[in-house]
Amino acid sequence: MGFLEDVPTCPALPVSSEVLRASSMKVCGKDRGGAFYLKALECGQSLWRQGLPAQAILMLNRAFSADLRGDEVELLEWPLPYQAMRYILENSRDDWFLGNPRRHFQHLATRMVEPRRDLRSWRAWACWWIAREVLPDQPADDKQLEEEGIVEPTFDQIFEALQEHGLEGESLLWKETTTTRLFPES
């Protein structure tokens, strides 16, 4: 499968001229730094342009899992992909498989493991918030919430956790993504 001609590139992701799949991440080996981050973003863009938004979201999840300090060239050029996540959720077509991103991020946030468990969990909650905003009709996993006693976090709790655990400016980037229409054409 190649790129779909009528699918615009996501403006918040780097463009790769190659058709990439998740297996393209193998070139990074055990590295989880800037090169891994950039490759995950490129794979996300490629999967998006192939009409595979659910797989693109999984690649953005991988980008969020990168071990970054905040001064990497790749990160300075391509900020954490909160805006890309919103773009994909807003622009996915009805005939493409998207799944239920709200439920996906709820499960991701509540089942996170090391390394960087707290940070990665709060990033998943931040994406969950975006999914709730963009796709308000998608239901939560109420059974998990009830059985495990999970309380969905508030906007302020997510913001504060990203300030505490995230990279410099991450909480503000997420806040801007949730409060500003970033891509008027979408």
N, C-alpha and C. Protein backbone atom coordinates (compact mmCIF):
# COMPACT_ATOMS: atom_id res chain seq x y z
N MET A 1 0.85 -1.18 0.00
CA MET A 1 0.00 0.00 0.00
C MET A 1 0.90 1.24 0.00
N GLY A 2 0.52 2.24 -0.76
CA GLY A 2 1.28 3.48 -0.82
C GLY A 2 0.50 4.62 -0.21
N PHE A 3 0.99 5.82 -0.43
CA PHE A 3 0.31 7.00 0.06
C PHE A 3 -0.97 7.23 -0.73
N LEU A 4 -2.00 7.71 -0.04
CA LEU A 4 -3.24 8.07 -0.70
C LEU A 4 -3.09 9.49 -1.23
N GLU A 5 -3.39 9.69 -2.49
CA GLU A 5 -3.15 10.99 -3.14
C GLU A 5 -3.96 12.12 -2.53
N ASP A 6 -5.13 11.83 -2.01
CA ASP A 6 -5.99 12.88 -1.49
C ASP A 6 -5.85 13.11 0.02
N VAL A 7 -4.80 12.55 0.62
CA VAL A 7 -4.58 12.74 2.05
C VAL A 7 -3.46 13.76 2.23
N PRO A 8 -3.79 14.91 2.80
CA PRO A 8 -2.74 15.91 3.04
C PRO A 8 -1.82 15.46 4.16
N THR A 9 -0.61 15.96 4.12
CA THR A 9 0.32 15.65 5.20
C THR A 9 -0.14 16.35 6.47
N CYS A 10 0.17 15.75 7.59
CA CYS A 10 -0.10 16.38 8.88
C CYS A 10 0.97 17.45 9.09
N PRO A 11 0.56 18.72 9.24
CA PRO A 11 1.55 19.79 9.36
C PRO A 11 2.40 19.73 10.62
N ALA A 12 2.03 18.92 11.59
CA ALA A 12 2.78 18.84 12.84
C ALA A 12 3.75 17.66 12.87
N LEU A 13 3.92 16.99 11.71
CA LEU A 13 4.83 15.85 11.63
C LEU A 13 5.79 15.99 10.46
N PRO A 14 7.01 15.46 10.60
CA PRO A 14 7.95 15.49 9.48
C PRO A 14 7.48 14.59 8.35
N VAL A 15 7.82 14.97 7.15
CA VAL A 15 7.41 14.21 5.97
C VAL A 15 8.52 13.26 5.55
N SER A 16 8.16 12.05 5.31
CA SER A 16 9.08 11.06 4.77
C SER A 16 8.59 10.70 3.38
N SER A 17 9.49 10.63 2.44
CA SER A 17 9.09 10.24 1.08
C SER A 17 8.92 8.73 0.98
N GLU A 18 9.37 8.01 1.99
CA GLU A 18 9.25 6.56 2.01
C GLU A 18 7.93 6.12 2.63
N VAL A 19 7.41 5.02 2.14
CA VAL A 19 6.26 4.39 2.79
C VAL A 19 6.83 3.56 3.93
N LEU A 20 6.46 3.94 5.16
CA LEU A 20 7.00 3.30 6.35
C LEU A 20 5.91 2.53 7.09
N ARG A 21 6.32 1.51 7.81
CA ARG A 21 5.46 0.72 8.68
C ARG A 21 6.10 0.69 10.06
N ALA A 22 5.42 0.10 11.01
CA ALA A 22 5.96 0.00 12.37
C ALA A 22 7.30 -0.72 12.37
N SER A 23 7.47 -1.68 11.48
CA SER A 23 8.73 -2.42 11.42
C SER A 23 9.91 -1.53 11.04
N SER A 24 9.65 -0.36 10.50
CA SER A 24 10.71 0.59 10.15
C SER A 24 11.45 1.09 11.38
N MET A 25 10.85 0.94 12.54
CA MET A 25 11.47 1.39 13.79
C MET A 25 12.67 0.52 14.17
N LYS A 26 12.80 -0.65 13.59
CA LYS A 26 13.89 -1.56 13.93
C LYS A 26 15.26 -0.94 13.68
N VAL A 27 15.36 0.01 12.75
CA VAL A 27 16.66 0.63 12.45
C VAL A 27 17.22 1.35 13.67
N CYS A 28 16.38 1.70 14.63
CA CYS A 28 16.83 2.42 15.82
C CYS A 28 17.49 1.51 16.85
N GLY A 29 17.32 0.21 16.70
CA GLY A 29 17.90 -0.71 17.68
C GLY A 29 17.39 -0.41 19.07
N LYS A 30 18.30 -0.34 20.03
CA LYS A 30 17.92 -0.08 21.43
C LYS A 30 17.87 1.40 21.76
N ASP A 31 18.28 2.24 20.83
CA ASP A 31 18.27 3.69 21.04
C ASP A 31 16.83 4.15 21.23
N ARG A 32 16.61 4.96 22.24
CA ARG A 32 15.28 5.54 22.47
C ARG A 32 15.38 7.06 22.57
N GLY A 33 16.44 7.62 21.97
CA GLY A 33 16.66 9.05 22.02
C GLY A 33 16.08 9.78 20.82
N GLY A 34 16.79 10.81 20.38
CA GLY A 34 16.30 11.68 19.33
C GLY A 34 16.04 10.99 18.01
N ALA A 35 16.93 10.07 17.60
CA ALA A 35 16.74 9.36 16.33
C ALA A 35 15.47 8.50 16.38
N PHE A 36 15.26 7.83 17.50
CA PHE A 36 14.06 7.03 17.70
C PHE A 36 12.81 7.92 17.63
N TYR A 37 12.86 9.05 18.31
CA TYR A 37 11.75 10.00 18.33
C TYR A 37 11.40 10.44 16.92
N LEU A 38 12.41 10.87 16.16
CA LEU A 38 12.16 11.34 14.80
C LEU A 38 11.62 10.25 13.91
N LYS A 39 12.16 9.04 14.01
CA LYS A 39 11.68 7.93 13.19
C LYS A 39 10.22 7.59 13.53
N ALA A 40 9.86 7.65 14.82
CA ALA A 40 8.47 7.40 15.21
C ALA A 40 7.54 8.45 14.61
N LEU A 41 7.97 9.71 14.61
CA LEU A 41 7.15 10.76 13.99
C LEU A 41 7.03 10.55 12.50
N GLU A 42 8.13 10.21 11.83
CA GLU A 42 8.09 9.96 10.39
C GLU A 42 7.17 8.78 10.07
N CYS A 43 7.25 7.72 10.88
CA CYS A 43 6.36 6.56 10.68
C CYS A 43 4.90 6.97 10.89
N GLY A 44 4.66 7.82 11.89
CA GLY A 44 3.30 8.29 12.13
C GLY A 44 2.75 9.04 10.92
N GLN A 45 3.55 9.92 10.34
CA GLN A 45 3.14 10.66 9.15
C GLN A 45 2.88 9.70 7.99
N SER A 46 3.78 8.76 7.79
CA SER A 46 3.63 7.81 6.69
C SER A 46 2.36 6.98 6.84
N LEU A 47 2.12 6.49 8.03
CA LEU A 47 0.91 5.69 8.27
C LEU A 47 -0.35 6.55 8.09
N TRP A 48 -0.29 7.79 8.54
CA TRP A 48 -1.41 8.70 8.34
C TRP A 48 -1.70 8.86 6.84
N ARG A 49 -0.66 9.09 6.05
CA ARG A 49 -0.82 9.31 4.61
C ARG A 49 -1.26 8.04 3.88
N GLN A 50 -1.13 6.89 4.54
CA GLN A 50 -1.61 5.63 3.97
C GLN A 50 -3.06 5.35 4.38
N GLY A 51 -3.66 6.27 5.15
CA GLY A 51 -5.03 6.08 5.59
C GLY A 51 -5.16 5.13 6.75
N LEU A 52 -4.13 5.10 7.61
CA LEU A 52 -4.10 4.19 8.76
C LEU A 52 -3.96 5.00 10.05
N PRO A 53 -5.00 5.74 10.43
CA PRO A 53 -4.88 6.63 11.59
C PRO A 53 -4.64 5.91 12.91
N ALA A 54 -5.24 4.75 13.12
CA ALA A 54 -5.02 4.03 14.39
C ALA A 54 -3.55 3.63 14.51
N GLN A 55 -2.94 3.19 13.43
CA GLN A 55 -1.53 2.84 13.47
C GLN A 55 -0.66 4.08 13.62
N ALA A 56 -1.08 5.19 13.02
CA ALA A 56 -0.35 6.45 13.18
C ALA A 56 -0.35 6.86 14.65
N ILE A 57 -1.48 6.70 15.33
CA ILE A 57 -1.57 7.04 16.75
C ILE A 57 -0.61 6.17 17.56
N LEU A 58 -0.51 4.89 17.22
CA LEU A 58 0.43 4.02 17.93
C LEU A 58 1.87 4.50 17.76
N MET A 59 2.19 5.02 16.58
CA MET A 59 3.54 5.55 16.37
C MET A 59 3.77 6.82 17.19
N LEU A 60 2.74 7.64 17.32
CA LEU A 60 2.88 8.83 18.16
C LEU A 60 3.06 8.42 19.62
N ASN A 61 2.38 7.35 20.03
CA ASN A 61 2.60 6.81 21.38
C ASN A 61 4.07 6.45 21.56
N ARG A 62 4.66 5.85 20.55
CA ARG A 62 6.08 5.48 20.63
C ARG A 62 6.95 6.72 20.73
N ALA A 63 6.60 7.76 19.98
CA ALA A 63 7.36 9.01 20.07
C ALA A 63 7.29 9.58 21.49
N PHE A 64 6.10 9.53 22.09
CA PHE A 64 5.96 10.02 23.46
C PHE A 64 6.78 9.19 24.45
N SER A 65 7.14 7.97 24.09
CA SER A 65 7.91 7.12 25.00
C SER A 65 9.42 7.33 24.87
N ALA A 66 9.84 8.16 23.92
CA ALA A 66 11.28 8.39 23.73
C ALA A 66 11.91 8.97 25.00
N ASP A 67 13.16 8.66 25.20
CA ASP A 67 13.90 9.14 26.35
C ASP A 67 14.62 10.43 25.95
N LEU A 68 13.95 11.55 26.17
CA LEU A 68 14.45 12.85 25.73
C LEU A 68 14.73 13.75 26.92
N ARG A 69 15.75 14.59 26.79
CA ARG A 69 16.11 15.55 27.83
C ARG A 69 15.43 16.90 27.59
N GLY A 70 15.12 17.20 26.33
CA GLY A 70 14.48 18.46 25.99
C GLY A 70 15.31 19.34 25.09
N ASP A 71 16.60 19.01 24.94
CA ASP A 71 17.47 19.83 24.11
C ASP A 71 17.87 19.15 22.80
N GLU A 72 17.27 18.02 22.49
CA GLU A 72 17.59 17.30 21.26
C GLU A 72 17.15 18.12 20.05
N VAL A 73 17.97 18.12 19.01
CA VAL A 73 17.66 18.83 17.77
C VAL A 73 16.31 18.37 17.21
N GLU A 74 16.08 17.07 17.25
CA GLU A 74 14.83 16.52 16.70
C GLU A 74 13.61 17.08 17.44
N LEU A 75 13.73 17.21 18.74
CA LEU A 75 12.63 17.73 19.56
C LEU A 75 12.45 19.23 19.35
N LEU A 76 13.54 19.94 19.17
CA LEU A 76 13.45 21.38 18.94
C LEU A 76 12.76 21.66 17.61
N GLU A 77 13.03 20.82 16.61
CA GLU A 77 12.40 21.00 15.31
C GLU A 77 10.96 20.47 15.28
N TRP A 78 10.72 19.37 16.00
CA TRP A 78 9.41 18.71 16.01
C TRP A 78 8.96 18.52 17.45
N PRO A 79 8.23 19.49 18.01
CA PRO A 79 7.78 19.38 19.41
C PRO A 79 6.97 18.11 19.66
N LEU A 80 6.85 17.76 20.92
CA LEU A 80 6.06 16.58 21.28
C LEU A 80 4.74 16.59 20.51
N PRO A 81 4.28 15.43 20.04
CA PRO A 81 3.21 15.38 19.04
C PRO A 81 1.77 15.52 19.56
N TYR A 82 1.55 16.39 20.52
CA TYR A 82 0.16 16.63 20.94
C TYR A 82 -0.66 17.22 19.78
N GLN A 83 -0.08 18.16 19.05
CA GLN A 83 -0.80 18.78 17.93
C GLN A 83 -1.05 17.77 16.82
N ALA A 84 -0.07 16.92 16.56
CA ALA A 84 -0.25 15.88 15.56
C ALA A 84 -1.37 14.92 15.96
N MET A 85 -1.42 14.59 17.25
CA MET A 85 -2.47 13.70 17.73
C MET A 85 -3.84 14.32 17.47
N ARG A 86 -3.96 15.58 17.80
CA ARG A 86 -5.24 16.26 17.57
C ARG A 86 -5.60 16.29 16.08
N TYR A 87 -4.62 16.59 15.26
CA TYR A 87 -4.84 16.66 13.82
C TYR A 87 -5.38 15.32 13.30
N ILE A 88 -4.74 14.24 13.69
CA ILE A 88 -5.16 12.91 13.22
C ILE A 88 -6.57 12.60 13.70
N LEU A 89 -6.87 12.90 14.95
CA LEU A 89 -8.22 12.64 15.47
C LEU A 89 -9.26 13.49 14.75
N GLU A 90 -8.92 14.74 14.47
CA GLU A 90 -9.88 15.64 13.81
C GLU A 90 -10.09 15.30 12.33
N ASN A 91 -9.10 14.72 11.68
CA ASN A 91 -9.14 14.56 10.24
C ASN A 91 -9.31 13.13 9.76
N SER A 92 -9.45 12.18 10.66
CA SER A 92 -9.68 10.80 10.25
C SER A 92 -11.03 10.68 9.56
N ARG A 93 -11.06 9.90 8.54
CA ARG A 93 -12.28 9.71 7.77
C ARG A 93 -13.14 8.62 8.38
N ASP A 94 -14.42 8.71 8.15
CA ASP A 94 -15.34 7.74 8.72
C ASP A 94 -15.07 6.31 8.24
N ASP A 95 -14.53 6.16 7.05
CA ASP A 95 -14.29 4.80 6.52
C ASP A 95 -12.90 4.26 6.86
N TRP A 96 -12.14 4.98 7.69
CA TRP A 96 -10.84 4.51 8.16
C TRP A 96 -11.00 3.94 9.57
N PHE A 97 -10.20 2.93 9.89
CA PHE A 97 -10.27 2.37 11.24
C PHE A 97 -9.52 3.28 12.20
N LEU A 98 -10.24 3.76 13.20
CA LEU A 98 -9.66 4.60 14.23
C LEU A 98 -9.76 3.95 15.60
N GLY A 99 -10.69 3.03 15.75
CA GLY A 99 -10.92 2.44 17.06
C GLY A 99 -11.57 3.45 17.99
N ASN A 100 -11.33 3.31 19.28
CA ASN A 100 -11.85 4.24 20.27
C ASN A 100 -10.64 4.85 20.99
N PRO A 101 -10.13 5.97 20.49
CA PRO A 101 -8.95 6.57 21.11
C PRO A 101 -9.13 6.92 22.58
N ARG A 102 -10.32 7.32 22.98
CA ARG A 102 -10.54 7.64 24.39
C ARG A 102 -10.25 6.42 25.26
N ARG A 103 -10.80 5.30 24.87
CA ARG A 103 -10.59 4.06 25.63
C ARG A 103 -9.13 3.61 25.53
N HIS A 104 -8.56 3.75 24.34
CA HIS A 104 -7.15 3.37 24.15
C HIS A 104 -6.26 4.13 25.13
N PHE A 105 -6.43 5.45 25.19
CA PHE A 105 -5.56 6.24 26.07
C PHE A 105 -5.86 6.00 27.54
N GLN A 106 -7.11 5.71 27.88
CA GLN A 106 -7.45 5.36 29.26
C GLN A 106 -6.69 4.10 29.66
N HIS A 107 -6.72 3.09 28.80
CA HIS A 107 -6.02 1.85 29.10
C HIS A 107 -4.51 2.07 29.14
N LEU A 108 -3.99 2.84 28.20
CA LEU A 108 -2.55 3.11 28.17
C LEU A 108 -2.11 3.81 29.45
N ALA A 109 -2.86 4.82 29.86
CA ALA A 109 -2.49 5.59 31.05
C ALA A 109 -2.53 4.74 32.32
N THR A 110 -3.46 3.83 32.40
CA THR A 110 -3.64 3.05 33.64
C THR A 110 -2.85 1.76 33.67
N ARG A 111 -2.20 1.42 32.56
CA ARG A 111 -1.43 0.17 32.51
C ARG A 111 0.03 0.41 32.14
N MET A 112 0.48 1.62 32.32
CA MET A 112 1.84 1.98 31.94
C MET A 112 2.86 1.28 32.84
N VAL A 113 3.96 0.91 32.24
CA VAL A 113 5.07 0.30 32.98
C VAL A 113 6.33 1.15 32.77
N GLU A 114 7.37 0.83 33.53
CA GLU A 114 8.66 1.52 33.38
C GLU A 114 9.23 1.23 32.00
N PRO A 115 10.09 2.06 31.49
CA PRO A 115 10.74 3.21 32.12
C PRO A 115 9.88 4.47 32.04
N ARG A 116 10.15 5.42 32.88
CA ARG A 116 9.49 6.73 32.93
C ARG A 116 7.97 6.58 33.02
N ARG A 117 7.55 5.68 33.88
CA ARG A 117 6.14 5.32 34.02
C ARG A 117 5.24 6.53 34.27
N ASP A 118 5.57 7.35 35.26
CA ASP A 118 4.69 8.48 35.60
C ASP A 118 4.56 9.46 34.45
N LEU A 119 5.66 9.83 33.85
CA LEU A 119 5.62 10.76 32.72
C LEU A 119 4.80 10.19 31.57
N ARG A 120 5.08 8.98 31.21
CA ARG A 120 4.37 8.36 30.07
C ARG A 120 2.89 8.19 30.38
N SER A 121 2.55 7.89 31.62
CA SER A 121 1.15 7.77 32.00
C SER A 121 0.43 9.11 31.87
N TRP A 122 1.07 10.18 32.34
CA TRP A 122 0.44 11.50 32.24
C TRP A 122 0.34 11.96 30.79
N ARG A 123 1.30 11.59 29.97
CA ARG A 123 1.18 11.92 28.54
C ARG A 123 0.00 11.19 27.92
N ALA A 124 -0.22 9.96 28.33
CA ALA A 124 -1.39 9.22 27.82
C ALA A 124 -2.68 9.89 28.29
N TRP A 125 -2.73 10.34 29.55
CA TRP A 125 -3.92 11.06 30.02
C TRP A 125 -4.10 12.36 29.23
N ALA A 126 -3.00 13.01 28.89
CA ALA A 126 -3.09 14.25 28.11
C ALA A 126 -3.69 13.97 26.73
N CYS A 127 -3.29 12.87 26.12
CA CYS A 127 -3.87 12.49 24.82
C CYS A 127 -5.32 12.04 24.99
N TRP A 128 -5.62 11.41 26.10
CA TRP A 128 -7.00 11.02 26.41
C TRP A 128 -7.88 12.26 26.45
N TRP A 129 -7.38 13.33 27.06
CA TRP A 129 -8.15 14.57 27.13
C TRP A 129 -8.43 15.11 25.73
N ILE A 130 -7.43 15.09 24.88
CA ILE A 130 -7.60 15.56 23.50
C ILE A 130 -8.64 14.69 22.80
N ALA A 131 -8.56 13.39 22.96
CA ALA A 131 -9.53 12.48 22.34
C ALA A 131 -10.94 12.76 22.83
N ARG A 132 -11.10 13.03 24.12
CA ARG A 132 -12.42 13.37 24.68
C ARG A 132 -12.97 14.63 24.03
N GLU A 133 -12.10 15.62 23.83
CA GLU A 133 -12.54 16.88 23.22
C GLU A 133 -12.96 16.69 21.76
N VAL A 134 -12.13 15.99 21.01
CA VAL A 134 -12.35 15.85 19.57
C VAL A 134 -13.46 14.85 19.27
N LEU A 135 -13.54 13.80 20.05
CA LEU A 135 -14.51 12.71 19.80
C LEU A 135 -15.37 12.49 21.05
N PRO A 136 -16.21 13.47 21.39
CA PRO A 136 -16.94 13.41 22.66
C PRO A 136 -17.93 12.25 22.78
N ASP A 137 -18.33 11.65 21.66
CA ASP A 137 -19.30 10.56 21.71
C ASP A 137 -18.67 9.19 21.98
N GLN A 138 -17.35 9.12 21.96
CA GLN A 138 -16.71 7.83 22.23
C GLN A 138 -16.74 7.57 23.74
N PRO A 139 -17.20 6.39 24.12
CA PRO A 139 -17.35 6.10 25.55
C PRO A 139 -16.04 5.69 26.22
N ALA A 140 -15.99 5.94 27.49
CA ALA A 140 -14.90 5.45 28.32
C ALA A 140 -15.12 3.96 28.57
N ASP A 141 -14.14 3.31 29.13
CA ASP A 141 -14.30 1.94 29.60
C ASP A 141 -14.80 2.04 31.03
N ASP A 142 -16.12 2.18 31.18
CA ASP A 142 -16.71 2.36 32.50
C ASP A 142 -16.48 1.16 33.40
N LYS A 143 -16.43 -0.02 32.81
CA LYS A 143 -16.20 -1.23 33.61
C LYS A 143 -14.83 -1.16 34.28
N GLN A 144 -13.80 -0.77 33.53
CA GLN A 144 -12.47 -0.65 34.12
C GLN A 144 -12.45 0.44 35.20
N LEU A 145 -13.09 1.57 34.90
CA LEU A 145 -13.11 2.66 35.87
C LEU A 145 -13.71 2.19 37.19
N GLU A 146 -14.83 1.48 37.09
CA GLU A 146 -15.53 1.02 38.29
C GLU A 146 -14.76 -0.08 39.01
N GLU A 147 -14.35 -1.10 38.27
CA GLU A 147 -13.69 -2.25 38.90
C GLU A 147 -12.34 -1.91 39.51
N GLU A 148 -11.61 -0.97 38.89
CA GLU A 148 -10.28 -0.64 39.37
C GLU A 148 -10.25 0.66 40.17
N GLY A 149 -11.43 1.26 40.34
CA GLY A 149 -11.51 2.49 41.14
C GLY A 149 -10.73 3.65 40.53
N ILE A 150 -10.68 3.71 39.24
CA ILE A 150 -9.93 4.76 38.55
C ILE A 150 -10.79 6.01 38.47
N VAL A 151 -10.18 7.12 38.82
CA VAL A 151 -10.85 8.42 38.69
C VAL A 151 -10.17 9.16 37.56
N GLU A 152 -10.95 9.52 36.55
CA GLU A 152 -10.39 10.25 35.41
C GLU A 152 -9.86 11.60 35.89
N PRO A 153 -8.67 11.98 35.45
CA PRO A 153 -8.09 13.23 35.93
C PRO A 153 -8.77 14.45 35.31
N THR A 154 -8.65 15.56 36.01
CA THR A 154 -9.17 16.83 35.51
C THR A 154 -8.11 17.49 34.62
N PHE A 155 -8.53 18.50 33.90
CA PHE A 155 -7.62 19.29 33.08
C PHE A 155 -6.46 19.81 33.93
N ASP A 156 -6.80 20.40 35.07
CA ASP A 156 -5.77 20.97 35.94
C ASP A 156 -4.80 19.91 36.46
N GLN A 157 -5.29 18.73 36.79
CA GLN A 157 -4.41 17.66 37.26
C GLN A 157 -3.43 17.24 36.17
N ILE A 158 -3.92 17.13 34.94
CA ILE A 158 -3.03 16.76 33.83
C ILE A 158 -1.99 17.85 33.62
N PHE A 159 -2.44 19.10 33.59
CA PHE A 159 -1.52 20.22 33.38
C PHE A 159 -0.43 20.23 34.45
N GLU A 160 -0.82 20.11 35.70
CA GLU A 160 0.14 20.13 36.80
C GLU A 160 1.10 18.95 36.73
N ALA A 161 0.60 17.78 36.36
CA ALA A 161 1.46 16.59 36.27
C ALA A 161 2.47 16.75 35.13
N LEU A 162 2.03 17.34 34.01
CA LEU A 162 2.98 17.57 32.92
C LEU A 162 4.01 18.61 33.31
N GLN A 163 3.61 19.59 34.12
CA GLN A 163 4.58 20.57 34.62
C GLN A 163 5.62 19.89 35.51
N GLU A 164 5.15 18.97 36.34
CA GLU A 164 6.04 18.29 37.29
C GLU A 164 6.93 17.26 36.62
N HIS A 165 6.37 16.43 35.74
CA HIS A 165 7.09 15.30 35.18
C HIS A 165 7.61 15.53 33.77
N GLY A 166 6.99 16.46 33.04
CA GLY A 166 7.30 16.63 31.63
C GLY A 166 8.52 17.48 31.35
N LEU A 167 8.78 17.66 30.08
CA LEU A 167 9.87 18.51 29.63
C LEU A 167 9.48 19.97 29.80
N GLU A 168 10.45 20.83 29.78
CA GLU A 168 10.20 22.26 29.90
C GLU A 168 9.25 22.70 28.77
N GLY A 169 8.18 23.36 29.15
CA GLY A 169 7.21 23.86 28.18
C GLY A 169 6.17 22.85 27.72
N GLU A 170 6.30 21.60 28.14
CA GLU A 170 5.37 20.56 27.68
C GLU A 170 3.94 20.83 28.11
N SER A 171 3.76 21.25 29.35
CA SER A 171 2.39 21.50 29.83
C SER A 171 1.74 22.63 29.03
N LEU A 172 2.51 23.64 28.68
CA LEU A 172 1.96 24.75 27.89
C LEU A 172 1.64 24.33 26.46
N LEU A 173 2.49 23.49 25.88
CA LEU A 173 2.22 22.96 24.54
C LEU A 173 0.92 22.17 24.54
N TRP A 174 0.74 21.31 25.54
CA TRP A 174 -0.49 20.52 25.64
C TRP A 174 -1.70 21.45 25.84
N LYS A 175 -1.56 22.42 26.73
CA LYS A 175 -2.67 23.34 26.99
C LYS A 175 -3.07 24.09 25.72
N GLU A 176 -2.08 24.56 24.97
CA GLU A 176 -2.38 25.25 23.71
C GLU A 176 -3.11 24.33 22.74
N THR A 177 -2.71 23.06 22.72
CA THR A 177 -3.33 22.09 21.83
C THR A 177 -4.80 21.86 22.20
N THR A 178 -5.12 21.99 23.46
CA THR A 178 -6.50 21.74 23.90
C THR A 178 -7.39 22.97 23.85
N THR A 179 -6.80 24.14 23.75
CA THR A 179 -7.62 25.36 23.85
C THR A 179 -7.61 26.23 22.58
N THR A 180 -6.81 25.86 21.59
CA THR A 180 -6.69 26.68 20.38
C THR A 180 -6.96 25.82 19.16
N ARG A 181 -7.73 26.35 18.23
CA ARG A 181 -7.94 25.65 16.94
C ARG A 181 -6.66 25.83 16.13
N LEU A 182 -5.85 24.79 16.06
CA LEU A 182 -4.52 24.88 15.48
C LEU A 182 -4.50 24.76 13.97
N PHE A 183 -5.42 23.98 13.44
CA PHE A 183 -5.43 23.70 12.01
C PHE A 183 -6.81 24.07 11.46
N PRO A 184 -7.02 25.34 11.12
CA PRO A 184 -8.36 25.80 10.72
C PRO A 184 -8.96 25.03 9.55
N GLU A 185 -8.11 24.50 8.66
CA GLU A 185 -8.63 23.78 7.49
C GLU A 185 -9.15 22.40 7.84
N SER A 186 -8.86 21.90 9.04
CA SER A 186 -9.28 20.53 9.38
C SER A 186 -10.71 20.50 9.87
